[in-house]
Protein backbone atom coordinates (compact mmCIF):
# COMPACT_ATOMS: atom_id res chain seq x y z
CA MET A 1 101.42 106.83 137.78
CA GLU A 2 103.31 103.61 138.51
CA ALA A 3 103.09 102.66 134.83
CA LEU A 4 104.42 106.08 133.74
CA ILE A 5 107.33 105.86 136.18
CA ALA A 6 108.18 102.36 134.95
CA PHE A 7 107.95 103.47 131.31
CA GLU A 8 110.18 106.53 131.89
CA ALA A 9 112.85 104.40 133.55
CA ALA A 10 112.69 101.77 130.80
CA ALA A 11 112.89 104.47 128.11
CA ARG A 12 115.95 105.99 129.79
CA HIS A 13 117.79 102.69 130.29
CA LEU A 14 116.37 100.78 127.30
CA SER A 15 116.38 97.84 129.66
CA PHE A 16 113.68 96.36 131.88
CA THR A 17 116.39 94.81 134.06
CA ARG A 18 118.22 98.06 134.85
CA SER A 19 114.88 99.84 135.30
CA ALA A 20 113.79 97.17 137.77
CA ASP A 21 117.01 97.61 139.76
CA GLU A 22 116.47 101.38 139.91
CA LEU A 23 112.84 101.10 140.97
CA ALA A 24 113.35 98.16 143.37
CA LEU A 25 110.94 96.02 141.33
CA THR A 26 111.24 92.77 139.45
CA GLN A 27 111.94 92.73 135.72
CA SER A 28 108.57 91.13 135.06
CA ALA A 29 106.80 93.83 137.11
CA VAL A 30 108.33 96.58 134.97
CA GLY A 31 107.42 94.65 131.83
CA ARG A 32 103.80 94.29 132.99
CA GLN A 33 103.55 98.02 133.79
CA VAL A 34 104.86 98.95 130.35
CA ALA A 35 102.67 96.40 128.58
CA GLY A 36 99.63 97.70 130.47
CA LEU A 37 100.45 101.26 129.42
CA GLU A 38 100.84 100.20 125.78
CA GLU A 39 97.49 98.40 125.94
CA TYR A 40 95.85 101.49 127.44
CA LEU A 41 97.31 103.73 124.71
CA GLY A 42 96.57 101.23 121.98
CA LEU A 43 100.04 101.45 120.42
CA PRO A 44 103.56 100.09 120.99
CA LEU A 45 106.09 102.28 122.79
CA PHE A 46 109.04 99.91 122.32
CA ASN A 47 110.44 97.82 119.51
CA ARG A 48 111.34 94.40 120.92
CA PHE A 49 113.88 92.32 119.02
CA LYS A 50 115.77 89.42 120.57
CA LYS A 51 115.53 90.88 124.10
CA ARG A 52 116.78 94.25 122.85
CA LEU A 53 114.65 97.33 123.37
CA SER A 54 114.42 100.48 121.30
CA LEU A 55 111.82 103.22 121.41
CA THR A 56 109.33 103.68 118.62
CA GLU A 57 109.00 107.22 117.26
CA VAL A 58 105.89 107.86 119.33
CA GLY A 59 107.67 106.22 122.28
CA LYS A 60 110.56 108.71 122.05
CA HIS A 61 108.20 111.67 122.01
CA TYR A 62 106.02 110.29 124.79
CA ALA A 63 109.06 109.53 126.98
CA GLU A 64 110.23 113.13 126.71
CA GLN A 65 106.79 114.43 127.65
CA VAL A 66 106.40 112.02 130.56
CA ARG A 67 109.89 112.84 131.87
CA ARG A 68 109.19 116.55 131.79
CA HIS A 69 105.89 116.15 133.64
CA LEU A 70 107.37 113.81 136.24
CA ASP A 71 110.15 116.33 136.86
CA ARG A 72 107.54 119.04 137.27
CA ILE A 73 105.55 116.92 139.73
CA GLU A 74 108.72 116.32 141.75
CA ARG A 75 109.51 120.05 141.76
CA ASP A 76 105.95 120.94 142.76
CA THR A 77 106.04 118.38 145.57
CA LEU A 78 109.31 119.77 146.94
CA ASP A 79 107.89 123.30 146.68
CA ALA A 80 104.80 122.25 148.61
CA MET A 81 107.00 120.74 151.33
CA ALA A 82 109.06 123.93 151.43
CA TYR A 83 105.93 125.96 152.20
CA ARG A 84 105.69 124.33 155.64
CA ASN A 85 108.08 126.87 157.12
CA ALA A 86 108.33 129.45 154.36
CA GLY A 87 106.60 132.58 153.19
CA GLY A 88 106.70 131.40 149.59
CA VAL A 89 108.94 129.94 146.90
CA LEU A 90 110.39 131.89 143.97
CA GLU A 91 111.66 129.90 140.98
CA LEU A 92 114.47 131.84 139.29
CA ALA A 93 116.32 130.96 136.07
CA VAL A 94 119.89 132.27 136.13
CA ILE A 95 123.05 132.48 134.07
CA PRO A 96 125.47 129.96 135.64
CA THR A 97 128.58 132.05 136.30
CA PHE A 98 126.62 135.19 137.14
CA ALA A 99 124.78 133.18 139.78
CA THR A 100 127.86 131.64 141.37
CA ARG A 101 130.11 134.71 141.17
CA TRP A 102 127.75 137.62 141.78
CA LEU A 103 124.27 136.62 142.92
CA ILE A 104 124.82 133.81 145.45
CA PRO A 105 127.49 135.69 147.47
CA ARG A 106 124.90 138.47 147.97
CA MET A 107 121.92 136.23 148.79
CA PRO A 108 122.57 136.33 152.59
CA GLU A 109 121.60 140.02 152.40
CA PHE A 110 118.26 139.05 150.85
CA TYR A 111 117.55 136.31 153.39
CA ALA A 112 118.40 138.65 156.25
CA LYS A 113 115.42 140.76 155.13
CA HIS A 114 113.16 137.95 153.88
CA GLU A 115 114.06 134.85 155.86
CA ARG A 116 110.80 133.06 155.07
CA ILE A 117 111.08 133.37 151.28
CA ILE A 118 112.84 130.57 149.42
CA VAL A 119 114.59 131.37 146.12
CA ASN A 120 115.34 128.30 143.99
CA LEU A 121 118.00 128.79 141.30
CA THR A 122 118.12 126.84 138.03
CA THR A 123 120.58 127.56 135.23
CA ARG A 124 119.20 128.65 131.87
CA ALA A 125 121.63 130.42 129.56
CA GLU A 126 119.26 131.13 126.67
CA PRO A 127 115.93 133.04 126.54
CA PHE A 128 112.77 130.94 126.80
CA LEU A 129 108.99 131.22 127.02
CA PHE A 130 107.78 131.45 130.62
CA THR A 131 104.59 129.62 129.68
CA ASP A 132 106.65 126.48 128.95
CA THR A 133 108.59 126.51 132.24
CA PRO A 134 108.00 126.62 136.02
CA PHE A 135 110.03 129.83 136.39
CA ASP A 136 108.66 132.99 137.96
CA ALA A 137 111.52 135.16 136.70
CA ALA A 138 114.95 135.03 135.09
CA ILE A 139 118.24 136.91 135.18
CA HIS A 140 119.24 137.36 131.58
CA PHE A 141 122.23 138.80 129.71
CA GLY A 142 121.47 140.32 126.34
CA GLU A 143 119.02 142.80 124.86
CA ARG A 144 116.20 144.50 126.76
CA VAL A 145 113.49 142.94 124.57
CA TRP A 146 111.86 139.74 125.88
CA PRO A 147 108.40 139.05 124.34
CA GLY A 148 105.54 139.01 126.83
CA ALA A 149 107.77 139.94 129.75
CA ILE A 150 108.85 142.94 131.82
CA THR A 151 112.60 143.65 131.89
CA LYS A 152 114.42 145.55 134.64
CA TYR A 153 117.96 146.70 133.81
CA LEU A 154 120.56 145.77 136.43
CA PHE A 155 123.93 146.81 135.00
CA GLY A 156 126.17 146.58 131.96
CA GLU A 157 129.33 144.66 131.33
CA GLU A 158 132.99 145.53 130.89
CA ILE A 159 135.11 142.85 129.22
CA THR A 160 138.78 142.58 130.11
CA ALA A 161 141.67 140.25 129.32
CA VAL A 162 143.06 138.31 132.28
CA CYS A 163 145.77 135.71 132.74
CA SER A 164 147.95 134.08 135.34
CA PRO A 165 150.84 136.32 136.48
CA ARG A 166 153.14 133.45 135.45
CA LEU A 167 152.43 134.24 131.79
CA LEU A 168 153.78 137.77 132.14
CA ASP A 169 157.14 136.46 133.40
CA GLY A 170 157.83 139.53 135.50
CA ARG A 171 156.41 142.08 133.06
CA LYS A 172 153.56 144.38 134.03
CA THR A 173 151.77 144.26 130.66
CA LEU A 174 152.05 142.71 127.22
CA SER A 175 152.63 144.66 124.03
CA ALA A 176 150.12 144.38 121.21
CA ALA A 177 152.51 142.10 119.33
CA GLU A 178 152.93 139.82 122.37
CA LEU A 179 149.17 139.70 122.86
CA ALA A 180 148.72 138.65 119.22
CA GLN A 181 151.13 135.72 119.73
CA SER A 182 149.53 134.51 122.97
CA THR A 183 147.12 131.61 123.42
CA LEU A 184 143.61 133.02 123.44
CA LEU A 185 140.90 131.39 125.54
CA HIS A 186 137.31 131.73 124.33
CA GLN A 187 133.80 131.53 125.76
CA SER A 188 131.77 129.41 123.33
CA ALA A 189 128.70 131.65 123.27
CA ARG A 190 130.78 134.74 122.40
CA PRO A 191 132.89 133.72 119.40
CA ASP A 192 133.37 137.31 118.25
CA ALA A 193 134.70 138.73 121.52
CA TRP A 194 138.41 138.39 120.76
CA ARG A 195 138.01 139.93 117.31
CA GLN A 196 136.37 142.99 118.86
CA TYR A 197 138.98 143.23 121.62
CA LEU A 198 141.95 142.88 119.27
CA ALA A 199 140.44 145.46 116.93
CA LEU A 200 140.30 147.81 119.94
CA ALA A 201 144.04 147.17 120.34
CA GLY A 202 144.62 148.01 116.67
CA LEU A 203 145.20 144.38 115.71
CA HIS A 204 143.02 143.60 112.71
CA GLU A 205 144.96 140.83 110.93
CA VAL A 206 145.46 138.47 113.87
CA ASP A 207 144.03 134.95 113.87
CA CYS A 208 141.58 135.62 116.70
CA MET A 209 139.95 132.16 116.54
CA LYS A 210 142.95 130.21 117.82
CA GLY A 211 142.91 128.70 121.29
CA GLN A 212 140.58 126.59 123.40
CA ARG A 213 136.85 127.16 123.91
CA TYR A 214 134.90 126.76 127.13
CA GLU A 215 131.15 126.67 127.64
CA LEU A 216 131.06 128.62 130.91
CA PHE A 217 132.89 131.72 132.11
CA SER A 218 133.70 129.83 135.32
CA MET A 219 135.66 127.32 133.20
CA LEU A 220 137.37 130.17 131.38
CA VAL A 221 138.45 131.74 134.68
CA GLU A 222 139.90 128.45 135.92
CA ALA A 223 141.73 127.93 132.61
CA ALA A 224 143.28 131.38 132.95
CA ARG A 225 144.25 130.68 136.58
CA ALA A 226 145.91 127.45 135.42
CA GLY A 227 148.08 129.40 132.97
CA LEU A 228 146.52 127.94 129.82
CA GLY A 229 146.29 131.31 128.10
CA ILE A 230 144.64 134.72 128.17
CA ALA A 231 140.88 134.86 128.73
CA LEU A 232 138.32 137.55 127.97
CA VAL A 233 135.83 137.78 130.83
CA PRO A 234 133.45 140.28 132.41
CA ARG A 235 135.55 142.14 134.96
CA PHE A 236 133.05 141.74 137.82
CA LEU A 237 133.36 137.95 137.56
CA VAL A 238 137.08 138.02 138.41
CA ALA A 239 137.17 140.85 140.97
CA HIS A 240 138.29 138.48 143.74
CA GLU A 241 141.03 136.81 141.68
CA LEU A 242 142.37 140.21 140.60
CA GLU A 243 142.32 141.49 144.16
CA ILE A 244 144.37 138.60 145.57
CA GLY A 245 146.71 138.43 142.56
CA GLU A 246 145.70 135.02 141.18
CA LEU A 247 144.89 136.80 137.92
CA VAL A 248 146.32 139.98 136.41
CA LEU A 249 145.45 142.33 133.55
CA PRO A 250 147.96 141.90 130.72
CA CYS A 251 146.50 144.92 128.86
CA ASP A 252 144.95 148.24 129.84
CA LEU A 253 142.05 147.81 127.43
CA PHE A 254 138.41 147.33 128.35
CA LEU A 255 135.63 146.42 125.95
CA ARG A 256 132.21 147.71 126.97
CA SER A 257 129.34 145.52 125.82
CA GLU A 258 126.19 147.05 124.36
CA LYS A 259 124.18 144.34 126.13
CA GLY A 260 123.35 144.13 129.81
CA TYR A 261 122.04 142.06 132.70
CA TYR A 262 118.29 142.16 133.30
CA LEU A 263 115.75 140.79 135.70
CA VAL A 264 112.93 139.45 133.52
CA TYR A 265 109.49 138.21 134.51
CA PRO A 266 106.10 137.62 132.84
CA GLU A 267 103.65 140.50 132.76
CA ASP A 268 101.12 138.55 134.83
CA LYS A 269 103.67 138.26 137.69
CA GLN A 270 104.22 141.99 138.17
CA ASN A 271 101.92 142.15 141.22
CA SER A 272 103.45 139.12 142.94
CA PRO A 273 104.55 140.05 146.51
CA LEU A 274 107.38 137.51 146.36
CA LEU A 275 108.71 138.87 143.09
CA GLU A 276 108.30 142.46 144.25
CA ALA A 277 110.39 141.74 147.34
CA PHE A 278 113.11 140.07 145.29
CA GLU A 279 113.10 142.79 142.61
CA THR A 280 113.41 145.56 145.20
CA TRP A 281 116.36 143.85 146.82
CA LEU A 282 118.07 142.85 143.56
CA THR A 283 117.85 146.29 141.92
CA GLY A 284 119.17 147.82 145.15
CA ALA A 285 122.12 145.40 145.19
CA ALA A 286 122.82 146.14 141.52
CA ASN A 287 122.78 149.90 142.18
CA GLN A 288 125.20 149.47 145.07
CA TYR A 289 127.51 147.46 142.85
CA VAL A 290 127.44 150.10 140.10
CA GLU A 291 128.11 152.93 142.56
CA ALA A 292 131.03 151.03 144.08
CA ASN A 293 132.58 150.11 140.74
CA GLY A 294 131.78 153.11 138.58
């Protein structure tokens, strides 16, 4: 294990010196650990040329594998420690902005009912195979189909345009022509959103690709708050900003997505007491949200 830890650090830094500083070892100790590992494997993991290190092809692949397994060991160790005072640990993959804007503010309700269950959240924006990850379940936006998994529908999505009230300059709304001339802010994973929205407004010839792009909806919301342009976002993500007037609706148009938010988990987890408790609470919270917001 010591040799694997030394190798992972050396592969990350491409330096025995910086690895030694990180691990509180001497440079020669790191070198001996790596050399011993190479001797055990019977192949070189590093190219050494005039005190410069670079990974061999097998070294690159092995470093990735070792790093993933070390991360898993660390996670498993922390989970084991968490069990001291807990009723169990649930590993949940979540969409970043959904988690921060909708899920986390509601989690106190879950813990009030299940105070001994720990729910760990890790961001994963794209679908994945559960067999390749430590996750027990995921909250996913997209289609209902997820191979080898059970999907539970939570709610749909209504897309709206939002901007800082400063951009309206005293007006209540923007005309279609004014919207077409505005700076459009985009979410990177949804490049077609503005084209669909502008088509809904009857604007088919507008350059809908202009403007900045942001990876996360949370970035998009902050860009809109800063007055950088008009953003298209799911309405539930900006309910607070709309309520307090930090953001406004420049148009009375709403684009309903055909996709939705789902709780997803592997078929072999469907009888898990931890997952059952979380699913019951989450679907109840989703139903309350839908009833309150139509």
